[in-house]
Amino acid sequence: MLAWIISLPLLAAVAGNAPLNLLDIVGVPIAIFGVTFESLADWQLARFKADPTHRGRVLDTGLWRYTRHPNYFGEFCVWWGFYLIALAAGGWWSIVSPLLMSFLLLNVSGVVLLEKDISQRRPGYRDYITRTNAFFPGPPK
């Protein structure tokens, strides 16, 4: 059921037959940006974890310097981009998908769950929290 709800923008976009419009022109780059941002964040994290000298340390370089959860922010952008594409096709009702994904990422399975776990395992994470935005990228504090 959850997968079906989350996929609503894709279903709406495929079912629609509206010509390309401004929402498509904005939505596609947002989705591509999100995939790229998420992929780069995952790649940076994998490289960081692969280096044994980083054991117990906190990744605070690259995208991780601007947000503590760049992979989740990328995922957020993907689903809002998909929603704009669906909206262009008349799928306004599919807004439940990006709203649900945003809620899950920010309050359930993403940021909140990881923050609690990482704070307990890595003492340097508390300092990282004070200088780095939790979700939306921004300059270090």
N, C-alpha and C. Protein backbone atom coordinates (compact mmCIF):
# COMPACT_ATOMS: atom_id res chain seq x y z
N MET A 1 0.82 -1.19 0.00
CA MET A 1 0.00 0.00 0.00
C MET A 1 0.87 1.26 0.00
N LEU A 2 1.90 1.26 0.85
CA LEU A 2 2.79 2.42 0.94
C LEU A 2 3.47 2.67 -0.40
N ALA A 3 3.96 1.61 -1.04
CA ALA A 3 4.62 1.77 -2.34
C ALA A 3 3.66 2.35 -3.37
N TRP A 4 2.41 1.92 -3.33
CA TRP A 4 1.42 2.43 -4.28
C TRP A 4 1.18 3.92 -4.05
N ILE A 5 1.05 4.32 -2.79
CA ILE A 5 0.82 5.74 -2.48
C ILE A 5 2.01 6.58 -2.93
N ILE A 6 3.21 6.09 -2.64
CA ILE A 6 4.40 6.85 -2.99
C ILE A 6 4.56 6.96 -4.51
N SER A 7 4.10 5.95 -5.24
CA SER A 7 4.25 5.98 -6.70
C SER A 7 3.15 6.76 -7.41
N LEU A 8 2.23 7.36 -6.70
CA LEU A 8 1.11 8.08 -7.33
C LEU A 8 1.55 9.13 -8.36
N PRO A 9 2.58 9.94 -8.09
CA PRO A 9 2.98 10.91 -9.12
C PRO A 9 3.41 10.25 -10.43
N LEU A 10 4.09 9.12 -10.31
CA LEU A 10 4.52 8.42 -11.53
C LEU A 10 3.32 7.87 -12.28
N LEU A 11 2.37 7.32 -11.55
CA LEU A 11 1.15 6.81 -12.18
C LEU A 11 0.38 7.94 -12.86
N ALA A 12 0.28 9.07 -12.19
CA ALA A 12 -0.44 10.22 -12.75
C ALA A 12 0.25 10.75 -14.00
N ALA A 13 1.57 10.81 -13.96
CA ALA A 13 2.32 11.33 -15.11
C ALA A 13 2.17 10.41 -16.32
N VAL A 14 2.21 9.11 -16.09
CA VAL A 14 2.09 8.15 -17.19
C VAL A 14 0.67 8.14 -17.75
N ALA A 15 -0.32 8.28 -16.87
CA ALA A 15 -1.72 8.24 -17.31
C ALA A 15 -2.15 9.52 -18.01
N GLY A 16 -1.50 10.63 -17.71
CA GLY A 16 -1.88 11.91 -18.30
C GLY A 16 -1.46 12.03 -19.75
N ASN A 17 -2.15 12.86 -20.48
CA ASN A 17 -1.78 13.09 -21.88
C ASN A 17 -1.66 14.57 -22.20
N ALA A 18 -1.38 15.37 -21.17
CA ALA A 18 -1.21 16.81 -21.37
C ALA A 18 0.11 17.08 -22.08
N PRO A 19 0.16 18.13 -22.90
CA PRO A 19 1.43 18.48 -23.55
C PRO A 19 2.43 18.99 -22.50
N LEU A 20 3.69 18.94 -22.85
CA LEU A 20 4.73 19.46 -21.95
C LEU A 20 4.43 20.91 -21.61
N ASN A 21 4.65 21.27 -20.36
CA ASN A 21 4.43 22.65 -19.96
C ASN A 21 5.48 23.07 -18.93
N LEU A 22 5.30 24.23 -18.35
CA LEU A 22 6.28 24.79 -17.42
C LEU A 22 6.53 23.88 -16.22
N LEU A 23 5.50 23.22 -15.73
CA LEU A 23 5.68 22.32 -14.58
C LEU A 23 6.61 21.16 -14.93
N ASP A 24 6.50 20.64 -16.15
CA ASP A 24 7.43 19.60 -16.61
C ASP A 24 8.85 20.15 -16.68
N ILE A 25 8.96 21.35 -17.22
CA ILE A 25 10.27 21.98 -17.41
C ILE A 25 10.95 22.24 -16.06
N VAL A 26 10.17 22.48 -15.02
CA VAL A 26 10.72 22.67 -13.68
C VAL A 26 10.89 21.33 -12.96
N GLY A 27 9.91 20.45 -13.09
CA GLY A 27 9.92 19.17 -12.37
C GLY A 27 11.02 18.22 -12.78
N VAL A 28 11.28 18.12 -14.08
CA VAL A 28 12.32 17.19 -14.55
C VAL A 28 13.69 17.56 -14.00
N PRO A 29 14.13 18.83 -14.10
CA PRO A 29 15.44 19.16 -13.53
C PRO A 29 15.51 18.98 -12.01
N ILE A 30 14.41 19.23 -11.31
CA ILE A 30 14.42 19.01 -9.86
C ILE A 30 14.62 17.53 -9.56
N ALA A 31 13.92 16.66 -10.28
CA ALA A 31 14.08 15.22 -10.07
C ALA A 31 15.49 14.77 -10.43
N ILE A 32 16.03 15.27 -11.54
CA ILE A 32 17.40 14.91 -11.94
C ILE A 32 18.40 15.43 -10.91
N PHE A 33 18.20 16.66 -10.45
CA PHE A 33 19.06 17.21 -9.40
C PHE A 33 19.02 16.31 -8.17
N GLY A 34 17.82 15.89 -7.78
CA GLY A 34 17.67 15.04 -6.60
C GLY A 34 18.40 13.72 -6.73
N VAL A 35 18.26 13.06 -7.88
CA VAL A 35 18.96 11.78 -8.11
C VAL A 35 20.47 12.00 -8.05
N THR A 36 20.93 13.07 -8.68
CA THR A 36 22.37 13.37 -8.70
C THR A 36 22.88 13.68 -7.30
N PHE A 37 22.16 14.50 -6.56
CA PHE A 37 22.54 14.89 -5.20
C PHE A 37 22.60 13.65 -4.29
N GLU A 38 21.55 12.83 -4.37
CA GLU A 38 21.49 11.61 -3.55
C GLU A 38 22.62 10.65 -3.92
N SER A 39 22.86 10.47 -5.20
CA SER A 39 23.92 9.55 -5.65
C SER A 39 25.29 10.03 -5.22
N LEU A 40 25.55 11.33 -5.37
CA LEU A 40 26.83 11.88 -4.95
C LEU A 40 27.02 11.73 -3.44
N ALA A 41 25.98 11.98 -2.67
CA ALA A 41 26.06 11.82 -1.22
C ALA A 41 26.34 10.37 -0.84
N ASP A 42 25.66 9.44 -1.49
CA ASP A 42 25.90 8.01 -1.21
C ASP A 42 27.32 7.61 -1.59
N TRP A 43 27.81 8.11 -2.70
CA TRP A 43 29.18 7.81 -3.14
C TRP A 43 30.19 8.37 -2.15
N GLN A 44 29.98 9.62 -1.71
CA GLN A 44 30.90 10.22 -0.74
C GLN A 44 30.90 9.43 0.57
N LEU A 45 29.73 8.99 1.02
CA LEU A 45 29.64 8.22 2.25
C LEU A 45 30.32 6.86 2.10
N ALA A 46 30.12 6.21 0.97
CA ALA A 46 30.76 4.91 0.74
C ALA A 46 32.28 5.04 0.74
N ARG A 47 32.79 6.06 0.08
CA ARG A 47 34.25 6.29 0.06
C ARG A 47 34.77 6.56 1.46
N PHE A 48 34.04 7.36 2.22
CA PHE A 48 34.45 7.70 3.58
C PHE A 48 34.50 6.45 4.45
N LYS A 49 33.46 5.63 4.39
CA LYS A 49 33.39 4.41 5.20
C LYS A 49 34.43 3.37 4.80
N ALA A 50 34.84 3.39 3.53
CA ALA A 50 35.82 2.42 3.05
C ALA A 50 37.22 2.69 3.58
N ASP A 51 37.48 3.88 4.05
CA ASP A 51 38.80 4.24 4.56
C ASP A 51 38.87 3.91 6.05
N PRO A 52 39.71 2.95 6.43
CA PRO A 52 39.78 2.53 7.84
C PRO A 52 40.21 3.65 8.79
N THR A 53 40.89 4.67 8.29
CA THR A 53 41.31 5.77 9.16
C THR A 53 40.13 6.65 9.59
N HIS A 54 38.99 6.47 8.94
CA HIS A 54 37.80 7.26 9.29
C HIS A 54 36.92 6.59 10.34
N ARG A 55 37.34 5.42 10.80
CA ARG A 55 36.53 4.67 11.77
C ARG A 55 36.22 5.55 13.00
N GLY A 56 34.94 5.66 13.34
CA GLY A 56 34.51 6.45 14.49
C GLY A 56 34.41 7.94 14.23
N ARG A 57 34.80 8.37 13.04
CA ARG A 57 34.74 9.80 12.71
C ARG A 57 33.43 10.14 12.02
N VAL A 58 33.17 11.42 11.89
CA VAL A 58 31.95 11.93 11.25
C VAL A 58 32.32 12.53 9.90
N LEU A 59 31.61 12.13 8.87
CA LEU A 59 31.81 12.70 7.53
C LEU A 59 31.25 14.12 7.53
N ASP A 60 32.13 15.11 7.35
CA ASP A 60 31.69 16.51 7.34
C ASP A 60 32.33 17.29 6.20
N THR A 61 32.57 16.59 5.11
CA THR A 61 33.12 17.23 3.91
C THR A 61 32.18 16.95 2.74
N GLY A 62 32.44 17.59 1.61
CA GLY A 62 31.58 17.41 0.44
C GLY A 62 30.18 17.91 0.74
N LEU A 63 29.18 17.20 0.25
CA LEU A 63 27.79 17.59 0.50
C LEU A 63 27.45 17.53 1.98
N TRP A 64 28.15 16.67 2.69
CA TRP A 64 27.90 16.47 4.12
C TRP A 64 28.33 17.68 4.95
N ARG A 65 29.01 18.61 4.36
CA ARG A 65 29.38 19.84 5.05
C ARG A 65 28.17 20.79 5.14
N TYR A 66 27.23 20.64 4.21
CA TYR A 66 26.11 21.57 4.10
C TYR A 66 24.80 21.02 4.65
N THR A 67 24.71 19.72 4.80
CA THR A 67 23.52 19.07 5.37
C THR A 67 23.94 17.73 5.95
N ARG A 68 23.35 17.38 7.08
CA ARG A 68 23.71 16.11 7.72
C ARG A 68 23.08 14.92 7.00
N HIS A 69 22.15 15.17 6.12
CA HIS A 69 21.46 14.08 5.42
C HIS A 69 21.28 14.42 3.94
N PRO A 70 22.37 14.60 3.20
CA PRO A 70 22.23 14.98 1.79
C PRO A 70 21.54 13.92 0.94
N ASN A 71 21.72 12.65 1.29
CA ASN A 71 21.04 11.60 0.52
C ASN A 71 19.53 11.69 0.69
N TYR A 72 19.07 11.99 1.89
CA TYR A 72 17.63 12.15 2.10
C TYR A 72 17.10 13.42 1.45
N PHE A 73 17.88 14.48 1.47
CA PHE A 73 17.46 15.70 0.79
C PHE A 73 17.32 15.44 -0.71
N GLY A 74 18.26 14.68 -1.29
CA GLY A 74 18.16 14.32 -2.70
C GLY A 74 16.89 13.54 -2.99
N GLU A 75 16.58 12.58 -2.13
CA GLU A 75 15.35 11.79 -2.27
C GLU A 75 14.12 12.69 -2.21
N PHE A 76 14.13 13.63 -1.30
CA PHE A 76 13.06 14.61 -1.15
C PHE A 76 12.85 15.36 -2.48
N CYS A 77 13.94 15.81 -3.08
CA CYS A 77 13.86 16.55 -4.35
C CYS A 77 13.30 15.68 -5.47
N VAL A 78 13.71 14.42 -5.50
CA VAL A 78 13.22 13.50 -6.53
C VAL A 78 11.69 13.44 -6.49
N TRP A 79 11.14 13.21 -5.31
CA TRP A 79 9.69 13.03 -5.22
C TRP A 79 8.91 14.31 -5.45
N TRP A 80 9.46 15.46 -5.07
CA TRP A 80 8.78 16.72 -5.38
C TRP A 80 8.89 17.03 -6.87
N GLY A 81 10.00 16.67 -7.49
CA GLY A 81 10.12 16.82 -8.94
C GLY A 81 9.11 15.95 -9.67
N PHE A 82 8.98 14.69 -9.22
CA PHE A 82 7.98 13.79 -9.82
C PHE A 82 6.57 14.36 -9.65
N TYR A 83 6.32 14.95 -8.49
CA TYR A 83 4.99 15.52 -8.28
C TYR A 83 4.70 16.66 -9.27
N LEU A 84 5.67 17.51 -9.51
CA LEU A 84 5.46 18.61 -10.48
C LEU A 84 5.15 18.05 -11.87
N ILE A 85 5.83 16.97 -12.24
CA ILE A 85 5.56 16.33 -13.53
C ILE A 85 4.13 15.78 -13.54
N ALA A 86 3.73 15.15 -12.44
CA ALA A 86 2.36 14.62 -12.34
C ALA A 86 1.34 15.75 -12.37
N LEU A 87 1.65 16.84 -11.69
CA LEU A 87 0.75 17.99 -11.67
C LEU A 87 0.56 18.55 -13.08
N ALA A 88 1.62 18.55 -13.86
CA ALA A 88 1.53 19.02 -15.25
C ALA A 88 0.57 18.16 -16.06
N ALA A 89 0.45 16.88 -15.66
CA ALA A 89 -0.44 15.96 -16.37
C ALA A 89 -1.83 15.92 -15.74
N GLY A 90 -2.10 16.81 -14.79
CA GLY A 90 -3.41 16.85 -14.16
C GLY A 90 -3.50 16.03 -12.88
N GLY A 91 -2.40 15.52 -12.40
CA GLY A 91 -2.41 14.65 -11.22
C GLY A 91 -2.23 15.39 -9.91
N TRP A 92 -2.99 16.47 -9.70
CA TRP A 92 -2.89 17.25 -8.47
C TRP A 92 -3.10 16.40 -7.23
N TRP A 93 -3.94 15.38 -7.35
CA TRP A 93 -4.29 14.50 -6.24
C TRP A 93 -3.11 13.65 -5.76
N SER A 94 -2.06 13.57 -6.56
CA SER A 94 -0.91 12.74 -6.17
C SER A 94 0.01 13.45 -5.18
N ILE A 95 -0.39 14.63 -4.71
CA ILE A 95 0.43 15.37 -3.74
C ILE A 95 0.62 14.57 -2.45
N VAL A 96 -0.25 13.62 -2.19
CA VAL A 96 -0.11 12.79 -1.00
C VAL A 96 1.26 12.08 -0.98
N SER A 97 1.78 11.76 -2.15
CA SER A 97 3.06 11.05 -2.23
C SER A 97 4.24 11.88 -1.71
N PRO A 98 4.51 13.07 -2.27
CA PRO A 98 5.65 13.82 -1.74
C PRO A 98 5.43 14.29 -0.30
N LEU A 99 4.18 14.53 0.07
CA LEU A 99 3.92 14.90 1.47
C LEU A 99 4.26 13.74 2.40
N LEU A 100 3.85 12.54 2.02
CA LEU A 100 4.15 11.35 2.82
C LEU A 100 5.65 11.09 2.87
N MET A 101 6.32 11.17 1.72
CA MET A 101 7.77 10.96 1.70
C MET A 101 8.48 11.99 2.56
N SER A 102 8.07 13.23 2.47
CA SER A 102 8.68 14.29 3.28
C SER A 102 8.50 14.00 4.76
N PHE A 103 7.29 13.61 5.13
CA PHE A 103 7.02 13.28 6.53
C PHE A 103 7.88 12.12 6.99
N LEU A 104 7.95 11.06 6.19
CA LEU A 104 8.75 9.89 6.57
C LEU A 104 10.23 10.24 6.68
N LEU A 105 10.75 10.98 5.72
CA LEU A 105 12.17 11.33 5.74
C LEU A 105 12.52 12.23 6.92
N LEU A 106 11.65 13.17 7.22
CA LEU A 106 11.95 14.14 8.28
C LEU A 106 11.58 13.67 9.68
N ASN A 107 10.58 12.80 9.79
CA ASN A 107 10.05 12.49 11.12
C ASN A 107 10.04 11.02 11.52
N VAL A 108 10.22 10.10 10.59
CA VAL A 108 10.06 8.69 10.94
C VAL A 108 11.33 7.89 10.65
N SER A 109 11.54 7.57 9.40
CA SER A 109 12.61 6.62 9.06
C SER A 109 13.92 7.28 8.69
N GLY A 110 13.94 8.53 8.48
CA GLY A 110 15.16 9.18 8.00
C GLY A 110 15.91 9.91 9.09
N VAL A 111 15.77 11.21 9.10
CA VAL A 111 16.56 12.09 9.96
C VAL A 111 16.46 11.72 11.43
N VAL A 112 15.26 11.63 11.97
CA VAL A 112 15.07 11.41 13.41
C VAL A 112 15.69 10.10 13.86
N LEU A 113 15.43 9.04 13.14
CA LEU A 113 15.95 7.72 13.50
C LEU A 113 17.47 7.69 13.47
N LEU A 114 18.06 8.21 12.41
CA LEU A 114 19.52 8.21 12.30
C LEU A 114 20.18 9.14 13.30
N GLU A 115 19.61 10.30 13.52
CA GLU A 115 20.21 11.27 14.44
C GLU A 115 20.39 10.65 15.82
N LYS A 116 19.38 9.96 16.29
CA LYS A 116 19.43 9.35 17.61
C LYS A 116 20.54 8.29 17.66
N ASP A 117 20.59 7.44 16.67
CA ASP A 117 21.57 6.36 16.63
C ASP A 117 23.00 6.89 16.50
N ILE A 118 23.22 7.80 15.57
CA ILE A 118 24.57 8.30 15.33
C ILE A 118 25.08 9.10 16.52
N SER A 119 24.22 9.88 17.16
CA SER A 119 24.64 10.67 18.32
C SER A 119 25.16 9.79 19.44
N GLN A 120 24.59 8.61 19.58
CA GLN A 120 25.03 7.68 20.62
C GLN A 120 26.34 6.99 20.25
N ARG A 121 26.56 6.73 18.98
CA ARG A 121 27.75 5.98 18.55
C ARG A 121 28.97 6.85 18.27
N ARG A 122 28.76 8.10 17.91
CA ARG A 122 29.87 8.97 17.52
C ARG A 122 29.85 10.27 18.33
N PRO A 123 30.76 10.40 19.28
CA PRO A 123 30.77 11.60 20.12
C PRO A 123 30.93 12.90 19.31
N GLY A 124 31.67 12.88 18.22
CA GLY A 124 31.87 14.07 17.41
C GLY A 124 30.63 14.53 16.68
N TYR A 125 29.60 13.70 16.69
CA TYR A 125 28.38 14.04 15.96
C TYR A 125 27.65 15.21 16.61
N ARG A 126 27.74 15.33 17.91
CA ARG A 126 27.06 16.45 18.60
C ARG A 126 27.60 17.79 18.11
N ASP A 127 28.92 17.86 17.94
CA ASP A 127 29.53 19.08 17.42
C ASP A 127 29.10 19.33 15.97
N TYR A 128 29.04 18.26 15.20
CA TYR A 128 28.60 18.33 13.80
C TYR A 128 27.18 18.89 13.73
N ILE A 129 26.31 18.48 14.66
CA ILE A 129 24.93 18.97 14.70
C ILE A 129 24.89 20.48 14.90
N THR A 130 25.78 21.00 15.72
CA THR A 130 25.75 22.44 16.02
C THR A 130 26.17 23.30 14.83
N ARG A 131 26.91 22.72 13.90
CA ARG A 131 27.41 23.55 12.79
C ARG A 131 26.84 23.19 11.42
N THR A 132 26.01 22.15 11.35
CA THR A 132 25.51 21.70 10.05
C THR A 132 23.99 21.56 10.06
N ASN A 133 23.34 22.08 9.03
CA ASN A 133 21.88 21.95 8.91
C ASN A 133 21.48 20.48 8.88
N ALA A 134 20.33 20.18 9.46
CA ALA A 134 19.87 18.79 9.53
C ALA A 134 19.46 18.25 8.16
N PHE A 135 18.69 19.01 7.41
CA PHE A 135 18.10 18.46 6.19
C PHE A 135 18.32 19.34 4.97
N PHE A 136 17.85 20.56 5.02
CA PHE A 136 18.00 21.45 3.87
C PHE A 136 19.42 22.01 3.85
N PRO A 137 20.13 21.88 2.73
CA PRO A 137 21.51 22.35 2.67
C PRO A 137 21.62 23.85 2.92
N GLY A 138 22.68 24.22 3.57
CA GLY A 138 22.96 25.63 3.82
C GLY A 138 24.41 25.78 4.26
N PRO A 139 24.88 27.01 4.33
CA PRO A 139 26.27 27.21 4.74
C PRO A 139 26.48 26.74 6.18
N PRO A 140 27.67 26.24 6.48
CA PRO A 140 27.95 25.82 7.86
C PRO A 140 27.77 27.00 8.82
N LYS A 141 27.33 26.69 10.02
CA LYS A 141 27.08 27.74 11.03
C LYS A 141 28.36 28.13 11.72
